[in-house]
Amino acid sequence: MSQSSTPRHSWIARHRVLTGTGALVALVALGACTGGGGTSGSKDTGAKKPAAAGSSPAAGSPAAGGSPTAGGKTSAKPSEPKKDAKKAAMRGSGTFQVGSDLQPGTYRTTGNKGLGCYWERAKDASGEVESIIANDNVVGTSYVTIEAGDKLFKSNGCNDWETVDLKAVSDAPKTEAAGDGGMFKVGLDLAPGTYKSSGPAAGSAGCYWERAKNAAHDVDSIAANDNPTGPAVVTVSAQDGYFKTTGCANWKKS
């Protein structure tokens, strides 16, 4: 890359690769030039055992919904609030039509191991590489914003996706980030500040970090990125949307 006075930008290269399932997909190879940036739920199936025919609960018994008190009266047993299980917005594997199978918005998948999770935003259903708007192979967590103009969202081998409230923040976001943790939402998962890593994690193919404006995963969403080969330092801004890291040693706020 030639030297110039203008900022140097990162790039995204798409490659055709054959996955283990024999499907042809486009993987995102993210690179960085120094000096800048620029590239549904489970139901409660627990049935209650019916009472024996002809029987009725005694007044004041637990089955009658009260407890005995002085004078033979019963006091109503306070009901416990129901704990609703968090339902997935969509399954971790499948192809979904935007507008019918799922609505535009930001979604998150967590706890993915290895590189078994692949997702893709597509502009049509041709299945060709040229139809891909953005894609990624996920380790750990990924956030993805599906736009109204997208036609399909494809997910393969991922843990289920849940919807994300973009206004949500944490009173105490973490000040450490797993170096192979994927994406962290700034202000919710990770506090703004300057973070340090010793560089590539042992046995990794390389360390990559990215400050992102949003979760669209296109070139314009990247504020800055790098592939450090040694110790790394990056300042995550409060205005950043996300911090992404793969293949790095853990990050700690300095």
C-alpha atoms as a PDB file:
ATOM      1  CA  MET A   1       0.000   0.000   0.000  1.00  0.00           C
ATOM      2  CA  SER A   2       1.564   3.289  -1.081  1.00  0.00           C
ATOM      3  CA  GLN A   3       2.144   6.118   1.348  1.00  0.00           C
ATOM      4  CA  SER A   4      -0.146   9.152   1.079  1.00  0.00           C
ATOM      5  CA  SER A   5      -1.495  11.953   3.234  1.00  0.00           C
ATOM      6  CA  THR A   6      -5.055  10.644   3.025  1.00  0.00           C
ATOM      7  CA  PRO A   7      -6.442   8.023   5.445  1.00  0.00           C
ATOM      8  CA  ARG A   8      -5.903   4.444   4.391  1.00  0.00           C
ATOM      9  CA  HIS A   9      -8.900   2.192   4.459  1.00  0.00           C
ATOM     10  CA  SER A  10      -9.549  -1.411   5.330  1.00  0.00           C
ATOM     11  CA  TRP A  11     -11.158  -3.824   2.943  1.00  0.00           C
ATOM     12  CA  ILE A  12     -13.464  -6.797   2.771  1.00  0.00           C
ATOM     13  CA  ALA A  13     -12.648  -9.615   0.374  1.00  0.00           C
ATOM     14  CA  ARG A  14     -15.176 -12.307  -0.474  1.00  0.00           C
ATOM     15  CA  HIS A  15     -13.995 -15.813  -1.269  1.00  0.00           C
ATOM     16  CA  ARG A  16     -15.892 -18.850  -2.501  1.00  0.00           C
ATOM     17  CA  VAL A  17     -15.267 -21.744  -0.170  1.00  0.00           C
ATOM     18  CA  LEU A  18     -16.757 -25.198   0.183  1.00  0.00           C
ATOM     19  CA  THR A  19     -18.095 -25.821   3.674  1.00  0.00           C
ATOM     20  CA  GLY A  20     -18.224 -29.147   5.458  1.00  0.00           C
ATOM     21  CA  THR A  21     -21.858 -29.544   4.418  1.00  0.00           C
ATOM     22  CA  GLY A  22     -20.982 -29.019   0.766  1.00  0.00           C
ATOM     23  CA  ALA A  23     -22.664 -25.613   0.523  1.00  0.00           C
ATOM     24  CA  LEU A  24     -20.978 -22.870  -1.405  1.00  0.00           C
ATOM     25  CA  VAL A  25     -20.879 -19.721   0.703  1.00  0.00           C
ATOM     26  CA  ALA A  26     -19.049 -16.444   0.705  1.00  0.00           C
ATOM     27  CA  LEU A  27     -16.893 -15.897   3.744  1.00  0.00           C
ATOM     28  CA  VAL A  28     -15.769 -12.484   4.824  1.00  0.00           C
ATOM     29  CA  ALA A  29     -12.030 -12.074   5.051  1.00  0.00           C
ATOM     30  CA  LEU A  30     -11.401  -8.893   6.965  1.00  0.00           C
ATOM     31  CA  GLY A  31      -8.106  -7.140   6.612  1.00  0.00           C
ATOM     32  CA  ALA A  32      -6.808  -3.857   7.876  1.00  0.00           C
ATOM     33  CA  CYS A  33      -4.247  -1.395   6.630  1.00  0.00           C
ATOM     34  CA  THR A  34      -2.411   0.489   9.327  1.00  0.00           C
ATOM     35  CA  GLY A  35      -3.378   4.022  10.118  1.00  0.00           C
ATOM     36  CA  GLY A  36      -7.153   3.831   9.837  1.00  0.00           C
ATOM     37  CA  GLY A  37     -10.336   1.939   9.425  1.00  0.00           C
ATOM     38  CA  GLY A  38     -12.902   2.032   7.007  1.00  0.00           C
ATOM     39  CA  THR A  39     -13.489  -1.997   5.818  1.00  0.00           C
ATOM     40  CA  SER A  40     -39.257 -18.868  18.513  1.00  0.00           C
ATOM     41  CA  GLY A  41     -39.652 -20.480  22.473  1.00  0.00           C
ATOM     42  CA  SER A  42     -40.617 -23.344  24.672  1.00  0.00           C
ATOM     43  CA  LYS A  43     -44.126 -23.869  26.059  1.00  0.00           C
ATOM     44  CA  ASP A  44     -44.946 -24.991  29.592  1.00  0.00           C
ATOM     45  CA  THR A  45     -45.976 -28.609  29.119  1.00  0.00           C
ATOM     46  CA  GLY A  46     -46.101 -29.465  32.833  1.00  0.00           C
ATOM     47  CA  ALA A  47     -49.664 -30.771  33.315  1.00  0.00           C
ATOM     48  CA  LYS A  48     -51.204 -30.679  36.801  1.00  0.00           C
ATOM     49  CA  LYS A  49     -52.543 -33.934  38.236  1.00  0.00           C
ATOM     50  CA  PRO A  50     -56.355 -33.743  38.434  1.00  0.00           C
ATOM     51  CA  ALA A  51     -58.096 -34.231  41.773  1.00  0.00           C
ATOM     52  CA  ALA A  52     -59.839 -37.547  42.425  1.00  0.00           C
ATOM     53  CA  ALA A  53     -63.440 -37.671  41.237  1.00  0.00           C
ATOM     54  CA  GLY A  54     -65.940 -36.491  43.857  1.00  0.00           C
ATOM     55  CA  SER A  55     -63.325 -34.944  46.104  1.00  0.00           C
ATOM     56  CA  SER A  56     -63.013 -31.306  47.016  1.00  0.00           C
ATOM     57  CA  PRO A  57     -60.275 -29.449  48.882  1.00  0.00           C
ATOM     58  CA  ALA A  58     -60.950 -28.636  52.517  1.00  0.00           C
ATOM     59  CA  ALA A  59     -61.471 -25.002  53.358  1.00  0.00           C
ATOM     60  CA  GLY A  60     -58.286 -23.361  54.500  1.00  0.00           C
ATOM     61  CA  SER A  61     -56.113 -26.086  52.970  1.00  0.00           C
ATOM     62  CA  PRO A  62     -53.336 -25.199  50.505  1.00  0.00           C
ATOM     63  CA  ALA A  63     -55.416 -26.718  47.710  1.00  0.00           C
ATOM     64  CA  ALA A  64     -58.197 -24.266  48.490  1.00  0.00           C
ATOM     65  CA  GLY A  65     -55.776 -21.387  47.917  1.00  0.00           C
ATOM     66  CA  GLY A  66     -55.640 -20.084  51.498  1.00  0.00           C
ATOM     67  CA  SER A  67     -54.178 -20.730  54.919  1.00  0.00           C
ATOM     68  CA  PRO A  68     -55.981 -21.035  58.276  1.00  0.00           C
ATOM     69  CA  THR A  69     -55.917 -18.038  60.612  1.00  0.00           C
ATOM     70  CA  ALA A  70     -57.260 -17.257  64.072  1.00  0.00           C
ATOM     71  CA  GLY A  71     -61.057 -17.431  64.211  1.00  0.00           C
ATOM     72  CA  GLY A  72     -61.218 -20.059  61.487  1.00  0.00           C
ATOM     73  CA  LYS A  73     -60.895 -17.525  58.676  1.00  0.00           C
ATOM     74  CA  THR A  74     -58.601 -18.007  55.745  1.00  0.00           C
ATOM     75  CA  SER A  75     -56.199 -15.556  54.221  1.00  0.00           C
ATOM     76  CA  ALA A  76     -55.558 -15.609  50.490  1.00  0.00           C
ATOM     77  CA  LYS A  77     -52.200 -17.016  49.537  1.00  0.00           C
ATOM     78  CA  PRO A  78     -50.217 -14.386  47.648  1.00  0.00           C
ATOM     79  CA  SER A  79     -49.628 -15.426  44.062  1.00  0.00           C
ATOM     80  CA  GLU A  80     -46.054 -15.618  42.872  1.00  0.00           C
ATOM     81  CA  PRO A  81     -45.163 -13.651  39.744  1.00  0.00           C
ATOM     82  CA  LYS A  82     -44.747 -15.811  36.691  1.00  0.00           C
ATOM     83  CA  LYS A  83     -41.320 -16.025  35.207  1.00  0.00           C
ATOM     84  CA  ASP A  84     -41.679 -16.023  31.448  1.00  0.00           C
ATOM     85  CA  ALA A  85     -38.947 -17.880  29.639  1.00  0.00           C
ATOM     86  CA  LYS A  86     -37.120 -15.754  27.112  1.00  0.00           C
ATOM     87  CA  LYS A  87     -38.338 -16.820  23.709  1.00  0.00           C
ATOM     88  CA  ALA A  88     -36.121 -16.964  20.673  1.00  0.00           C
ATOM     89  CA  ALA A  89     -37.036 -14.721  17.772  1.00  0.00           C
ATOM     90  CA  MET A  90     -35.833 -17.329  15.271  1.00  0.00           C
ATOM     91  CA  ARG A  91     -34.057 -20.622  15.161  1.00  0.00           C
ATOM     92  CA  GLY A  92     -30.312 -20.864  14.751  1.00  0.00           C
ATOM     93  CA  SER A  93     -30.550 -22.778  11.472  1.00  0.00           C
ATOM     94  CA  GLY A  94     -32.836 -21.917   8.582  1.00  0.00           C
ATOM     95  CA  THR A  95     -33.591 -19.440   5.832  1.00  0.00           C
ATOM     96  CA  PHE A  96     -36.104 -16.703   6.724  1.00  0.00           C
ATOM     97  CA  GLN A  97     -37.973 -14.225   4.518  1.00  0.00           C
ATOM     98  CA  VAL A  98     -37.728 -10.681   5.813  1.00  0.00           C
ATOM     99  CA  GLY A  99     -41.174  -9.178   6.384  1.00  0.00           C
ATOM    100  CA  SER A 100     -42.994 -12.506   6.745  1.00  0.00           C
ATOM    101  CA  ASP A 101     -40.833 -14.943   8.716  1.00  0.00           C
ATOM    102  CA  LEU A 102     -39.083 -12.186  10.649  1.00  0.00           C
ATOM    103  CA  GLN A 103     -39.222  -8.434  10.866  1.00  0.00           C
ATOM    104  CA  PRO A 104     -36.373  -5.969  10.256  1.00  0.00           C
ATOM    105  CA  GLY A 105     -34.407  -5.181  13.395  1.00  0.00           C
ATOM    106  CA  THR A 106     -31.318  -6.125  15.363  1.00  0.00           C
ATOM    107  CA  TYR A 107     -30.823  -9.705  16.554  1.00  0.00           C
ATOM    108  CA  ARG A 108     -28.239 -11.466  18.722  1.00  0.00           C
ATOM    109  CA  THR A 109     -26.902 -15.010  19.012  1.00  0.00           C
ATOM    110  CA  THR A 110     -24.617 -16.016  21.892  1.00  0.00           C
ATOM    111  CA  GLY A 111     -22.468 -18.914  23.082  1.00  0.00           C
ATOM    112  CA  ASN A 112     -21.366 -20.165  19.679  1.00  0.00           C
ATOM    113  CA  LYS A 113     -18.341 -22.444  19.695  1.00  0.00           C
ATOM    114  CA  GLY A 114     -15.699 -22.749  17.015  1.00  0.00           C
ATOM    115  CA  LEU A 115     -16.666 -21.551  13.558  1.00  0.00           C
ATOM    116  CA  GLY A 116     -19.856 -23.607  13.276  1.00  0.00           C
ATOM    117  CA  CYS A 117     -22.168 -20.566  13.163  1.00  0.00           C
ATOM    118  CA  TYR A 118     -22.637 -18.857   9.791  1.00  0.00           C
ATOM    119  CA  TRP A 119     -25.157 -16.111   8.972  1.00  0.00           C
ATOM    120  CA  GLU A 120     -25.971 -14.202   5.834  1.00  0.00           C
ATOM    121  CA  ARG A 121     -28.054 -11.204   4.763  1.00  0.00           C
ATOM    122  CA  ALA A 122     -29.202 -11.583   1.156  1.00  0.00           C
ATOM    123  CA  LYS A 123     -30.852  -9.303  -1.392  1.00  0.00           C
ATOM    124  CA  ASP A 124     -32.595 -12.181  -3.222  1.00  0.00           C
ATOM    125  CA  ALA A 125     -33.170 -15.937  -3.084  1.00  0.00           C
ATOM    126  CA  SER A 126     -30.871 -16.906  -5.951  1.00  0.00           C
ATOM    127  CA  GLY A 127     -28.328 -18.451  -3.609  1.00  0.00           C
ATOM    128  CA  GLU A 128     -25.500 -16.885  -5.604  1.00  0.00           C
ATOM    129  CA  VAL A 129     -22.510 -15.178  -4.041  1.00  0.00           C
ATOM    130  CA  GLU A 130     -23.527 -11.900  -5.663  1.00  0.00           C
ATOM    131  CA  SER A 131     -26.788 -11.898  -3.681  1.00  0.00           C
ATOM    132  CA  ILE A 132     -24.953 -11.633  -0.357  1.00  0.00           C
ATOM    133  CA  ILE A 133     -25.172  -8.238   1.308  1.00  0.00           C
ATOM    134  CA  ALA A 134     -23.134  -9.211   4.385  1.00  0.00           C
ATOM    135  CA  ASN A 135     -22.116 -12.408   6.176  1.00  0.00           C
ATOM    136  CA  ASP A 136     -19.894 -13.755   8.918  1.00  0.00           C
ATOM    137  CA  ASN A 137     -18.606 -16.880  10.646  1.00  0.00           C
ATOM    138  CA  VAL A 138     -19.294 -16.411  14.346  1.00  0.00           C
ATOM    139  CA  VAL A 139     -17.336 -17.358  17.429  1.00  0.00           C
ATOM    140  CA  GLY A 140     -19.081 -16.357  20.662  1.00  0.00           C
ATOM    141  CA  THR A 141     -21.616 -13.571  20.121  1.00  0.00           C
ATOM    142  CA  SER A 142     -22.866 -11.817  17.025  1.00  0.00           C
ATOM    143  CA  TYR A 143     -25.246  -8.912  16.566  1.00  0.00           C
ATOM    144  CA  VAL A 144     -26.871  -8.433  13.153  1.00  0.00           C
ATOM    145  CA  THR A 145     -29.153  -5.664  11.959  1.00  0.00           C
ATOM    146  CA  ILE A 146     -31.539  -6.883   9.250  1.00  0.00           C
ATOM    147  CA  GLU A 147     -32.702  -4.035   7.050  1.00  0.00           C
ATOM    148  CA  ALA A 148     -36.169  -3.564   5.531  1.00  0.00           C
ATOM    149  CA  GLY A 149     -34.634  -3.897   2.064  1.00  0.00           C
ATOM    150  CA  ASP A 150     -33.154  -7.332   2.803  1.00  0.00           C
ATOM    151  CA  LYS A 151     -35.032 -10.262   1.258  1.00  0.00           C
ATOM    152  CA  LEU A 152     -33.608 -13.218   3.191  1.00  0.00           C
ATOM    153  CA  PHE A 153     -31.688 -13.949   6.355  1.00  0.00           C
ATOM    154  CA  LYS A 154     -29.860 -17.266   6.473  1.00  0.00           C
ATOM    155  CA  SER A 155     -28.460 -18.842   9.646  1.00  0.00           C
ATOM    156  CA  ASN A 156     -26.635 -22.150   9.810  1.00  0.00           C
ATOM    157  CA  GLY A 157     -25.336 -23.914  12.934  1.00  0.00           C
ATOM    158  CA  CYS A 158     -25.909 -20.925  15.218  1.00  0.00           C
ATOM    159  CA  ASN A 159     -27.560 -20.799  18.615  1.00  0.00           C
ATOM    160  CA  ASP A 160     -31.058 -19.296  18.486  1.00  0.00           C
ATOM    161  CA  TRP A 161     -31.415 -15.579  17.785  1.00  0.00           C
ATOM    162  CA  GLU A 162     -33.154 -13.100  20.099  1.00  0.00           C
ATOM    163  CA  THR A 163     -34.293  -9.551  19.493  1.00  0.00           C
ATOM    164  CA  VAL A 164     -32.225  -6.674  20.873  1.00  0.00           C
ATOM    165  CA  ASP A 165     -33.371  -3.405  22.397  1.00  0.00           C
ATOM    166  CA  LEU A 166     -30.901  -0.936  20.965  1.00  0.00           C
ATOM    167  CA  LYS A 167     -31.692   1.560  23.738  1.00  0.00           C
ATOM    168  CA  ALA A 168     -30.759  -0.890  26.488  1.00  0.00           C
ATOM    169  CA  VAL A 169     -27.723   0.010  28.597  1.00  0.00           C
ATOM    170  CA  SER A 170     -26.098  -1.464  31.684  1.00  0.00           C
ATOM    171  CA  ASP A 171     -25.353   0.286  34.954  1.00  0.00           C
ATOM    172  CA  ALA A 172     -22.126  -1.700  35.166  1.00  0.00           C
ATOM    173  CA  PRO A 173     -20.910  -2.875  31.740  1.00  0.00           C
ATOM    174  CA  LYS A 174     -17.859  -5.119  31.801  1.00  0.00           C
ATOM    175  CA  THR A 175     -14.345  -3.760  31.595  1.00  0.00           C
ATOM    176  CA  GLU A 176     -12.893  -6.988  30.191  1.00  0.00           C
ATOM    177  CA  ALA A 177     -13.624  -8.698  26.891  1.00  0.00           C
ATOM    178  CA  ALA A 178     -12.845 -12.264  25.866  1.00  0.00           C
ATOM    179  CA  GLY A 179     -10.413 -12.025  22.998  1.00  0.00           C
ATOM    180  CA  ASP A 180     -12.363 -14.628  21.027  1.00  0.00           C
ATOM    181  CA  GLY A 181     -15.788 -13.477  22.261  1.00  0.00           C
ATOM    182  CA  GLY A 182     -17.155 -12.006  19.047  1.00  0.00           C
ATOM    183  CA  MET A 183     -19.172  -8.801  19.335  1.00  0.00           C
ATOM    184  CA  PHE A 184     -19.814  -6.662  22.408  1.00  0.00           C
ATOM    185  CA  LYS A 185     -22.411  -3.880  22.451  1.00  0.00           C
ATOM    186  CA  VAL A 186     -20.780  -0.766  23.837  1.00  0.00           C
ATOM    187  CA  GLY A 187     -22.570   0.507  26.936  1.00  0.00           C
ATOM    188  CA  LEU A 188     -24.393  -2.792  27.455  1.00  0.00           C
ATOM    189  CA  ASP A 189     -21.784  -5.565  27.235  1.00  0.00           C
ATOM    190  CA  LEU A 190     -18.651  -3.457  27.404  1.00  0.00           C
ATOM    191  CA  ALA A 191     -17.753  -0.101  28.909  1.00  0.00           C
ATOM    192  CA  PRO A 192     -16.097   2.559  26.752  1.00  0.00           C
ATOM    193  CA  GLY A 193     -12.411   3.119  27.390  1.00  0.00           C
ATOM    194  CA  THR A 194      -8.920   2.084  26.360  1.00  0.00           C
ATOM    195  CA  TYR A 195      -8.266  -1.657  26.251  1.00  0.00           C
ATOM    196  CA  LYS A 196      -5.074  -3.676  26.000  1.00  0.00           C
ATOM    197  CA  SER A 197      -4.399  -7.204  24.715  1.00  0.00           C
ATOM    198  CA  SER A 198      -1.158  -9.111  24.428  1.00  0.00           C
ATOM    199  CA  GLY A 199      -2.055  -9.805  20.800  1.00  0.00           C
ATOM    200  CA  PRO A 200      -2.864 -13.067  19.029  1.00  0.00           C
ATOM    201  CA  ALA A 201      -4.065 -15.826  21.353  1.00  0.00           C
ATOM    202  CA  ALA A 202      -1.996 -19.000  21.524  1.00  0.00           C
ATOM    203  CA  GLY A 203      -2.971 -21.329  18.696  1.00  0.00           C
ATOM    204  CA  SER A 204      -5.113 -18.766  16.882  1.00  0.00           C
ATOM    205  CA  ALA A 205      -4.776 -17.981  13.189  1.00  0.00           C
ATOM    206  CA  GLY A 206      -4.434 -14.309  14.059  1.00  0.00           C
ATOM    207  CA  CYS A 207      -5.906 -11.481  16.094  1.00  0.00           C
ATOM    208  CA  TYR A 208      -8.571  -9.187  14.631  1.00  0.00           C
ATOM    209  CA  TRP A 209     -10.381  -6.297  16.320  1.00  0.00           C
ATOM    210  CA  GLU A 210     -12.959  -3.885  15.017  1.00  0.00           C
ATOM    211  CA  ARG A 211     -14.768  -0.798  16.253  1.00  0.00           C
ATOM    212  CA  ALA A 212     -18.165  -0.706  14.541  1.00  0.00           C
ATOM    213  CA  LYS A 213     -20.743   2.047  14.198  1.00  0.00           C
ATOM    214  CA  ASN A 214     -23.610  -0.448  13.873  1.00  0.00           C
ATOM    215  CA  ALA A 215     -24.365  -4.119  13.256  1.00  0.00           C
ATOM    216  CA  ALA A 216     -25.002  -3.919   9.500  1.00  0.00           C
ATOM    217  CA  HIS A 217     -21.612  -5.544   8.831  1.00  0.00           C
ATOM    218  CA  ASP A 218     -20.974  -3.594   5.644  1.00  0.00           C
ATOM    219  CA  VAL A 219     -17.837  -1.623   4.886  1.00  0.00           C
ATOM    220  CA  ASP A 220     -19.365   1.665   5.977  1.00  0.00           C
ATOM    221  CA  SER A 221     -20.219   0.313   9.437  1.00  0.00           C
ATOM    222  CA  ILE A 222     -16.549  -0.078  10.366  1.00  0.00           C
ATOM    223  CA  ALA A 223     -15.031   2.838  12.255  1.00  0.00           C
ATOM    224  CA  ALA A 224     -11.579   1.211  12.557  1.00  0.00           C
ATOM    225  CA  ASN A 225      -9.967  -2.237  12.621  1.00  0.00           C
ATOM    226  CA  ASP A 226      -6.626  -3.990  12.748  1.00  0.00           C
ATOM    227  CA  ASN A 227      -4.825  -7.354  12.644  1.00  0.00           C
ATOM    228  CA  PRO A 228      -2.159  -6.860  15.339  1.00  0.00           C
ATOM    229  CA  THR A 229       0.742  -9.302  15.389  1.00  0.00           C
ATOM    230  CA  GLY A 230       1.919  -8.207  18.838  1.00  0.00           C
ATOM    231  CA  PRO A 231       0.563  -6.309  21.853  1.00  0.00           C
ATOM    232  CA  ALA A 232      -2.470  -4.210  20.956  1.00  0.00           C
ATOM    233  CA  VAL A 233      -4.145  -1.105  22.367  1.00  0.00           C
ATOM    234  CA  VAL A 234      -7.498   0.297  21.226  1.00  0.00           C
ATOM    235  CA  THR A 235      -9.774   3.003  22.577  1.00  0.00           C
ATOM    236  CA  VAL A 236     -13.454   2.056  22.381  1.00  0.00           C
ATOM    237  CA  SER A 237     -15.515   5.233  22.136  1.00  0.00           C
ATOM    238  CA  ALA A 238     -18.852   5.813  23.844  1.00  0.00           C
ATOM    239  CA  GLN A 239     -20.143   6.683  20.376  1.00  0.00           C
ATOM    240  CA  ASP A 240     -19.145   3.266  19.008  1.00  0.00           C
ATOM    241  CA  GLY A 241     -21.943   0.774  18.540  1.00  0.00           C
ATOM    242  CA  TYR A 242     -19.926  -2.429  18.978  1.00  0.00           C
ATOM    243  CA  PHE A 243     -16.467  -3.832  19.595  1.00  0.00           C
ATOM    244  CA  LYS A 244     -15.595  -7.052  17.767  1.00  0.00           C
ATOM    245  CA  THR A 245     -12.658  -9.314  18.570  1.00  0.00           C
ATOM    246  CA  THR A 246     -11.589 -12.742  17.323  1.00  0.00           C
ATOM    247  CA  GLY A 247      -8.392 -14.732  17.805  1.00  0.00           C
ATOM    248  CA  CYS A 248      -6.939 -12.305  20.332  1.00  0.00           C
ATOM    249  CA  ALA A 249      -5.797 -12.672  23.916  1.00  0.00           C
ATOM    250  CA  ASN A 250      -8.306 -11.211  26.372  1.00  0.00           C
ATOM    251  CA  TRP A 251      -8.765  -7.456  26.514  1.00  0.00           C
ATOM    252  CA  LYS A 252      -8.614  -5.470  29.770  1.00  0.00           C
ATOM    253  CA  LYS A 253      -9.418  -1.827  30.341  1.00  0.00           C
ATOM    254  CA  SER A 254      -6.324   0.111  31.294  1.00  0.00           C
END
